């Protein structure tokens, strides 16, 4: 087995995520699990590792829905039949989004 590279615990989610890459390419993906350092999702489109992406997802918070917008890099994309398992490492996440994401993850099931 490979060496564990995760830097933060992962939590199961059922969340739609918009991934943007290039200037005007948007992919709708389905979140599988998330942490404060990255996201695993299923997407209809294959993305090469090292592709830079911007992502947007909405999570519930005490004050209503919170939109998390950040940048990331594709670290793995496993080709599948119709959907591709895509792992993204966050490269920039605002402090307010880290706080909202951390609070949201407290109520999620750890993987």
C-alpha atoms as a PDB file:
ATOM      1  CA  UNK A   1       0.000   0.000   0.000  1.00  0.00           C
ATOM      2  CA  UNK A   2       1.095   3.578  -0.578  1.00  0.00           C
ATOM      3  CA  UNK A   3       2.128   5.968   2.126  1.00  0.00           C
ATOM      4  CA  UNK A   4      -0.666   8.053   3.677  1.00  0.00           C
ATOM      5  CA  UNK A   5      -0.324  11.636   2.425  1.00  0.00           C
ATOM      6  CA  UNK A   6      -3.382  13.225   4.012  1.00  0.00           C
ATOM      7  CA  UNK A   7      -2.625  16.148   6.260  1.00  0.00           C
ATOM      8  CA  UNK A   8      -6.112  16.483   7.770  1.00  0.00           C
ATOM      9  CA  UNK A   9      -8.941  14.061   8.589  1.00  0.00           C
ATOM     10  CA  UNK A  10     -11.562  13.542   5.858  1.00  0.00           C
ATOM     11  CA  UNK A  11     -15.308  13.716   6.364  1.00  0.00           C
ATOM     12  CA  UNK A  12     -18.076  12.217   4.246  1.00  0.00           C
ATOM     13  CA  UNK A  13     -20.215  14.729   2.334  1.00  0.00           C
ATOM     14  CA  UNK A  14     -22.968  14.625  -0.261  1.00  0.00           C
ATOM     15  CA  UNK A  15     -22.379  17.994  -1.863  1.00  0.00           C
ATOM     16  CA  UNK A  16     -22.406  19.444  -5.355  1.00  0.00           C
ATOM     17  CA  UNK A  17     -19.243  21.375  -6.227  1.00  0.00           C
ATOM     18  CA  UNK A  18     -18.423  23.599  -9.201  1.00  0.00           C
ATOM     19  CA  UNK A  19     -14.863  23.236 -10.499  1.00  0.00           C
ATOM     20  CA  UNK A  20     -13.440  25.866 -12.819  1.00  0.00           C
ATOM     21  CA  UNK A  21     -10.269  25.511 -14.836  1.00  0.00           C
ATOM     22  CA  UNK A  22      -8.937  27.386 -17.791  1.00  0.00           C
ATOM     23  CA  UNK A  23     -10.673  30.667 -18.428  1.00  0.00           C
ATOM     24  CA  UNK A  24     -14.264  29.584 -18.901  1.00  0.00           C
ATOM     25  CA  UNK A  25     -14.515  25.841 -18.282  1.00  0.00           C
ATOM     26  CA  UNK A  26     -16.872  24.818 -15.467  1.00  0.00           C
ATOM     27  CA  UNK A  27     -17.426  21.255 -14.323  1.00  0.00           C
ATOM     28  CA  UNK A  28     -20.179  20.197 -11.947  1.00  0.00           C
ATOM     29  CA  UNK A  29     -18.924  17.516  -9.581  1.00  0.00           C
ATOM     30  CA  UNK A  30     -20.321  15.504  -6.703  1.00  0.00           C
ATOM     31  CA  UNK A  31     -18.366  15.751  -3.444  1.00  0.00           C
ATOM     32  CA  UNK A  32     -17.489  12.504  -1.681  1.00  0.00           C
ATOM     33  CA  UNK A  33     -15.340  13.662   1.199  1.00  0.00           C
ATOM     34  CA  UNK A  34     -13.679  16.867   2.308  1.00  0.00           C
ATOM     35  CA  UNK A  35     -11.189  18.186   4.839  1.00  0.00           C
ATOM     36  CA  UNK A  36      -9.681  21.574   5.523  1.00  0.00           C
ATOM     37  CA  UNK A  37      -6.880  20.622   3.124  1.00  0.00           C
ATOM     38  CA  UNK A  38      -8.702  19.031   0.195  1.00  0.00           C
ATOM     39  CA  UNK A  39     -11.669  17.465  -1.549  1.00  0.00           C
ATOM     40  CA  UNK A  40     -12.455  14.136  -3.195  1.00  0.00           C
ATOM     41  CA  UNK A  41     -15.187  14.298  -5.819  1.00  0.00           C
ATOM     42  CA  UNK A  42     -16.639  12.518  -8.837  1.00  0.00           C
ATOM     43  CA  UNK A  43     -16.699  14.469 -12.086  1.00  0.00           C
ATOM     44  CA  UNK A  44     -17.862  13.702 -15.624  1.00  0.00           C
ATOM     45  CA  UNK A  45     -14.668  15.196 -17.033  1.00  0.00           C
ATOM     46  CA  UNK A  46     -11.134  13.800 -16.664  1.00  0.00           C
ATOM     47  CA  UNK A  47      -8.609  16.360 -15.383  1.00  0.00           C
ATOM     48  CA  UNK A  48      -4.884  15.826 -15.631  1.00  0.00           C
ATOM     49  CA  UNK A  49      -2.943  15.808 -12.340  1.00  0.00           C
ATOM     50  CA  UNK A  50      -1.365  19.199 -11.602  1.00  0.00           C
ATOM     51  CA  UNK A  51      -4.312  21.019 -13.220  1.00  0.00           C
ATOM     52  CA  UNK A  52      -5.050  24.211 -11.290  1.00  0.00           C
ATOM     53  CA  UNK A  53      -8.727  24.642 -10.428  1.00  0.00           C
ATOM     54  CA  UNK A  54     -10.982  27.050  -8.596  1.00  0.00           C
ATOM     55  CA  UNK A  55     -13.868  25.542  -6.730  1.00  0.00           C
ATOM     56  CA  UNK A  56     -17.082  26.733  -5.175  1.00  0.00           C
ATOM     57  CA  UNK A  57     -19.305  24.845  -2.761  1.00  0.00           C
ATOM     58  CA  UNK A  58     -22.040  25.915  -0.403  1.00  0.00           C
ATOM     59  CA  UNK A  59     -22.120  24.532   3.137  1.00  0.00           C
ATOM     60  CA  UNK A  60     -24.597  25.133   5.941  1.00  0.00           C
ATOM     61  CA  UNK A  61     -23.510  27.335   8.835  1.00  0.00           C
ATOM     62  CA  UNK A  62     -25.121  28.732  11.979  1.00  0.00           C
ATOM     63  CA  UNK A  63     -25.843  32.007  10.174  1.00  0.00           C
ATOM     64  CA  UNK A  64     -27.193  30.349   6.987  1.00  0.00           C
ATOM     65  CA  UNK A  65     -25.500  28.980   3.908  1.00  0.00           C
ATOM     66  CA  UNK A  66     -21.795  29.793   3.511  1.00  0.00           C
ATOM     67  CA  UNK A  67     -20.128  29.769   0.101  1.00  0.00           C
ATOM     68  CA  UNK A  68     -16.575  28.437   0.136  1.00  0.00           C
ATOM     69  CA  UNK A  69     -14.487  29.630  -2.808  1.00  0.00           C
ATOM     70  CA  UNK A  70     -10.884  28.539  -3.126  1.00  0.00           C
ATOM     71  CA  UNK A  71      -8.126  27.407  -5.442  1.00  0.00           C
ATOM     72  CA  UNK A  72      -6.663  23.939  -5.611  1.00  0.00           C
ATOM     73  CA  UNK A  73      -4.612  21.544  -7.651  1.00  0.00           C
ATOM     74  CA  UNK A  74      -5.653  18.129  -8.963  1.00  0.00           C
ATOM     75  CA  UNK A  75      -3.426  15.553  -7.276  1.00  0.00           C
ATOM     76  CA  UNK A  76      -5.140  12.464  -8.693  1.00  0.00           C
ATOM     77  CA  UNK A  77      -7.840  11.672 -11.230  1.00  0.00           C
ATOM     78  CA  UNK A  78      -8.796   8.026 -11.677  1.00  0.00           C
ATOM     79  CA  UNK A  79     -10.547   7.323 -14.962  1.00  0.00           C
ATOM     80  CA  UNK A  80     -13.853   5.592 -14.487  1.00  0.00           C
ATOM     81  CA  UNK A  81     -16.850   4.635 -16.577  1.00  0.00           C
ATOM     82  CA  UNK A  82     -18.665   7.933 -16.998  1.00  0.00           C
ATOM     83  CA  UNK A  83     -17.361   9.531 -13.783  1.00  0.00           C
ATOM     84  CA  UNK A  84     -13.816  10.187 -12.641  1.00  0.00           C
ATOM     85  CA  UNK A  85     -12.672  10.086  -9.022  1.00  0.00           C
ATOM     86  CA  UNK A  86     -10.784  13.364  -8.591  1.00  0.00           C
ATOM     87  CA  UNK A  87      -8.671  14.393  -5.581  1.00  0.00           C
ATOM     88  CA  UNK A  88      -7.969  18.114  -5.153  1.00  0.00           C
ATOM     89  CA  UNK A  89      -5.561  19.686  -2.662  1.00  0.00           C
ATOM     90  CA  UNK A  90      -6.557  23.198  -1.604  1.00  0.00           C
ATOM     91  CA  UNK A  91      -3.826  25.738  -2.329  1.00  0.00           C
ATOM     92  CA  UNK A  92      -5.630  28.830  -1.052  1.00  0.00           C
ATOM     93  CA  UNK A  93      -8.484  28.955   1.420  1.00  0.00           C
ATOM     94  CA  UNK A  94      -9.469  32.183   3.195  1.00  0.00           C
ATOM     95  CA  UNK A  95      -9.452  32.160   7.006  1.00  0.00           C
ATOM     96  CA  UNK A  96     -13.225  32.767   7.085  1.00  0.00           C
ATOM     97  CA  UNK A  97     -13.723  29.719   4.858  1.00  0.00           C
ATOM     98  CA  UNK A  98     -11.413  27.560   6.992  1.00  0.00           C
ATOM     99  CA  UNK A  99     -13.482  28.511  10.056  1.00  0.00           C
ATOM    100  CA  UNK A 100     -16.808  27.796   8.348  1.00  0.00           C
ATOM    101  CA  UNK A 101     -15.505  24.533   6.889  1.00  0.00           C
ATOM    102  CA  UNK A 102     -14.110  23.409  10.262  1.00  0.00           C
ATOM    103  CA  UNK A 103     -17.445  24.160  11.975  1.00  0.00           C
ATOM    104  CA  UNK A 104     -19.330  22.269   9.242  1.00  0.00           C
ATOM    105  CA  UNK A 105     -17.010  19.254   9.504  1.00  0.00           C
ATOM    106  CA  UNK A 106     -17.656  18.923  13.238  1.00  0.00           C
ATOM    107  CA  UNK A 107     -21.107  17.592  12.339  1.00  0.00           C
ATOM    108  CA  UNK A 108     -19.950  15.224   9.585  1.00  0.00           C
ATOM    109  CA  UNK A 109     -18.982  11.556   9.731  1.00  0.00           C
ATOM    110  CA  UNK A 110     -15.224  10.911   9.588  1.00  0.00           C
ATOM    111  CA  UNK A 111     -13.973   8.608   6.822  1.00  0.00           C
END
